[in-house]
Amino acid sequence: MLVAVLLAFAGGYLDTYTWITHGVLANAETTLTLSVPVFVLLLVLLVCSLARPIEASEQF
């Protein structure tokens, strides 16, 4: 358990350091971890906004 905690801390430190100093993330896994949920959320919002019924005040 101690080794897992130390590795997690080291990975978080590298991500934080490279983000603050260079403006990029340290590895591809972190980028996917952040970008995939955001993409899914935007996709769900788009589908929900297209699927809602048109109200009478919005008709031409």
N, C-alpha and C. Protein backbone atom coordinates (compact mmCIF):
# COMPACT_ATOMS: atom_id res chain seq x y z
N MET A 1 0.83 -1.19 0.00
CA MET A 1 0.00 0.00 0.00
C MET A 1 0.87 1.26 0.00
N LEU A 2 1.96 1.21 0.71
CA LEU A 2 2.85 2.36 0.79
C LEU A 2 3.45 2.68 -0.59
N VAL A 3 3.82 1.65 -1.33
CA VAL A 3 4.38 1.85 -2.67
C VAL A 3 3.33 2.48 -3.59
N ALA A 4 2.10 2.03 -3.51
CA ALA A 4 1.03 2.58 -4.34
C ALA A 4 0.79 4.05 -4.02
N VAL A 5 0.81 4.40 -2.75
CA VAL A 5 0.63 5.80 -2.34
C VAL A 5 1.79 6.65 -2.84
N LEU A 6 3.01 6.17 -2.73
CA LEU A 6 4.17 6.92 -3.20
C LEU A 6 4.15 7.10 -4.72
N LEU A 7 3.75 6.07 -5.46
CA LEU A 7 3.66 6.21 -6.92
C LEU A 7 2.55 7.18 -7.32
N ALA A 8 1.43 7.14 -6.63
CA ALA A 8 0.35 8.08 -6.93
C ALA A 8 0.78 9.51 -6.63
N PHE A 9 1.49 9.70 -5.53
CA PHE A 9 2.00 11.03 -5.18
C PHE A 9 2.99 11.52 -6.24
N ALA A 10 3.89 10.65 -6.67
CA ALA A 10 4.89 11.03 -7.68
C ALA A 10 4.22 11.40 -9.00
N GLY A 11 3.21 10.64 -9.42
CA GLY A 11 2.50 10.96 -10.66
C GLY A 11 1.75 12.27 -10.56
N GLY A 12 1.11 12.51 -9.44
CA GLY A 12 0.41 13.78 -9.24
C GLY A 12 1.36 14.95 -9.20
N TYR A 13 2.52 14.76 -8.57
CA TYR A 13 3.52 15.82 -8.52
C TYR A 13 4.03 16.16 -9.92
N LEU A 14 4.33 15.14 -10.72
CA LEU A 14 4.81 15.39 -12.08
C LEU A 14 3.76 16.12 -12.92
N ASP A 15 2.50 15.70 -12.81
CA ASP A 15 1.44 16.38 -13.55
C ASP A 15 1.31 17.84 -13.12
N THR A 16 1.33 18.07 -11.82
CA THR A 16 1.20 19.43 -11.30
C THR A 16 2.38 20.30 -11.72
N TYR A 17 3.57 19.77 -11.60
CA TYR A 17 4.77 20.53 -11.96
C TYR A 17 4.79 20.90 -13.44
N THR A 18 4.50 19.93 -14.31
CA THR A 18 4.54 20.23 -15.74
C THR A 18 3.40 21.15 -16.15
N TRP A 19 2.24 21.05 -15.48
CA TRP A 19 1.12 21.94 -15.80
C TRP A 19 1.45 23.38 -15.41
N ILE A 20 2.03 23.57 -14.22
CA ILE A 20 2.34 24.92 -13.75
C ILE A 20 3.49 25.54 -14.55
N THR A 21 4.53 24.77 -14.81
CA THR A 21 5.71 25.34 -15.45
C THR A 21 5.62 25.39 -16.98
N HIS A 22 4.98 24.41 -17.61
CA HIS A 22 4.97 24.34 -19.07
C HIS A 22 3.57 24.45 -19.68
N GLY A 23 2.53 24.33 -18.89
CA GLY A 23 1.18 24.41 -19.41
C GLY A 23 0.69 23.17 -20.12
N VAL A 24 1.35 22.04 -19.91
CA VAL A 24 0.93 20.76 -20.49
C VAL A 24 0.90 19.72 -19.38
N LEU A 25 0.21 18.62 -19.65
CA LEU A 25 0.17 17.54 -18.67
C LEU A 25 1.32 16.57 -18.93
N ALA A 26 1.74 15.86 -17.89
CA ALA A 26 2.95 15.05 -17.96
C ALA A 26 2.78 13.80 -18.82
N ASN A 27 1.60 13.23 -18.86
CA ASN A 27 1.46 11.99 -19.63
C ASN A 27 0.10 11.90 -20.30
N ALA A 28 -0.03 11.00 -21.24
CA ALA A 28 -1.26 10.88 -22.02
C ALA A 28 -2.42 10.35 -21.19
N GLU A 29 -2.16 9.55 -20.18
CA GLU A 29 -3.24 9.01 -19.37
C GLU A 29 -4.00 10.11 -18.65
N THR A 30 -3.27 11.11 -18.15
CA THR A 30 -3.93 12.21 -17.45
C THR A 30 -4.78 13.02 -18.42
N THR A 31 -4.27 13.24 -19.61
CA THR A 31 -5.03 14.00 -20.60
C THR A 31 -6.32 13.27 -20.96
N LEU A 32 -6.25 11.96 -21.16
CA LEU A 32 -7.46 11.19 -21.46
C LEU A 32 -8.42 11.17 -20.28
N THR A 33 -7.87 11.09 -19.09
CA THR A 33 -8.71 11.08 -17.89
C THR A 33 -9.50 12.37 -17.77
N LEU A 34 -8.92 13.48 -18.20
CA LEU A 34 -9.61 14.76 -18.10
C LEU A 34 -10.49 15.05 -19.31
N SER A 35 -10.06 14.65 -20.50
CA SER A 35 -10.79 15.06 -21.70
C SER A 35 -11.98 14.15 -22.03
N VAL A 36 -11.90 12.88 -21.75
CA VAL A 36 -13.01 11.97 -22.10
C VAL A 36 -14.28 12.31 -21.32
N PRO A 37 -14.25 12.51 -20.00
CA PRO A 37 -15.51 12.87 -19.32
C PRO A 37 -16.07 14.21 -19.79
N VAL A 38 -15.22 15.16 -20.11
CA VAL A 38 -15.71 16.45 -20.61
C VAL A 38 -16.38 16.25 -21.96
N PHE A 39 -15.79 15.46 -22.85
CA PHE A 39 -16.39 15.19 -24.15
C PHE A 39 -17.74 14.49 -24.00
N VAL A 40 -17.83 13.52 -23.12
CA VAL A 40 -19.08 12.79 -22.90
C VAL A 40 -20.15 13.74 -22.36
N LEU A 41 -19.79 14.60 -21.42
CA LEU A 41 -20.75 15.56 -20.87
C LEU A 41 -21.26 16.50 -21.95
N LEU A 42 -20.36 17.02 -22.78
CA LEU A 42 -20.79 17.91 -23.86
C LEU A 42 -21.69 17.18 -24.87
N LEU A 43 -21.37 15.94 -25.15
CA LEU A 43 -22.19 15.15 -26.06
C LEU A 43 -23.59 14.92 -25.49
N VAL A 44 -23.68 14.61 -24.21
CA VAL A 44 -24.98 14.41 -23.57
C VAL A 44 -25.78 15.71 -23.58
N LEU A 45 -25.14 16.82 -23.29
CA LEU A 45 -25.84 18.10 -23.31
C LEU A 45 -26.34 18.44 -24.72
N LEU A 46 -25.55 18.14 -25.73
CA LEU A 46 -25.96 18.39 -27.11
C LEU A 46 -27.17 17.53 -27.48
N VAL A 47 -27.11 16.26 -27.14
CA VAL A 47 -28.23 15.35 -27.47
C VAL A 47 -29.49 15.77 -26.72
N CYS A 48 -29.35 16.15 -25.46
CA CYS A 48 -30.52 16.58 -24.69
C CYS A 48 -31.12 17.86 -25.25
N SER A 49 -30.27 18.79 -25.69
CA SER A 49 -30.80 20.04 -26.22
C SER A 49 -31.48 19.82 -27.57
N LEU A 50 -31.01 18.86 -28.36
CA LEU A 50 -31.65 18.58 -29.64
C LEU A 50 -32.92 17.77 -29.49
N ALA A 51 -33.04 16.99 -28.43
CA ALA A 51 -34.18 16.10 -28.24
C ALA A 51 -35.36 16.77 -27.54
N ARG A 52 -35.17 17.94 -26.99
CA ARG A 52 -36.28 18.56 -26.26
C ARG A 52 -37.33 19.06 -27.24
N PRO A 53 -38.59 19.02 -26.86
CA PRO A 53 -39.66 19.46 -27.77
C PRO A 53 -39.64 20.98 -27.96
N ILE A 54 -40.09 21.40 -29.12
CA ILE A 54 -40.16 22.83 -29.43
C ILE A 54 -41.43 23.40 -28.80
N GLU A 55 -41.26 24.47 -28.04
CA GLU A 55 -42.41 25.10 -27.40
C GLU A 55 -43.12 26.00 -28.41
N ALA A 56 -44.35 26.36 -28.10
CA ALA A 56 -45.16 27.19 -28.99
C ALA A 56 -44.52 28.56 -29.23
N SER A 57 -43.86 29.12 -28.25
CA SER A 57 -43.24 30.44 -28.41
C SER A 57 -41.99 30.39 -29.30
N GLU A 58 -41.43 29.21 -29.53
CA GLU A 58 -40.23 29.09 -30.33
C GLU A 58 -40.54 28.79 -31.80
N GLN A 59 -41.80 28.53 -32.12
CA GLN A 59 -42.15 28.20 -33.51
C GLN A 59 -42.16 29.47 -34.35
N PHE A 60 -41.88 29.29 -35.62
CA PHE A 60 -41.80 30.44 -36.52
C PHE A 60 -43.15 30.84 -37.03
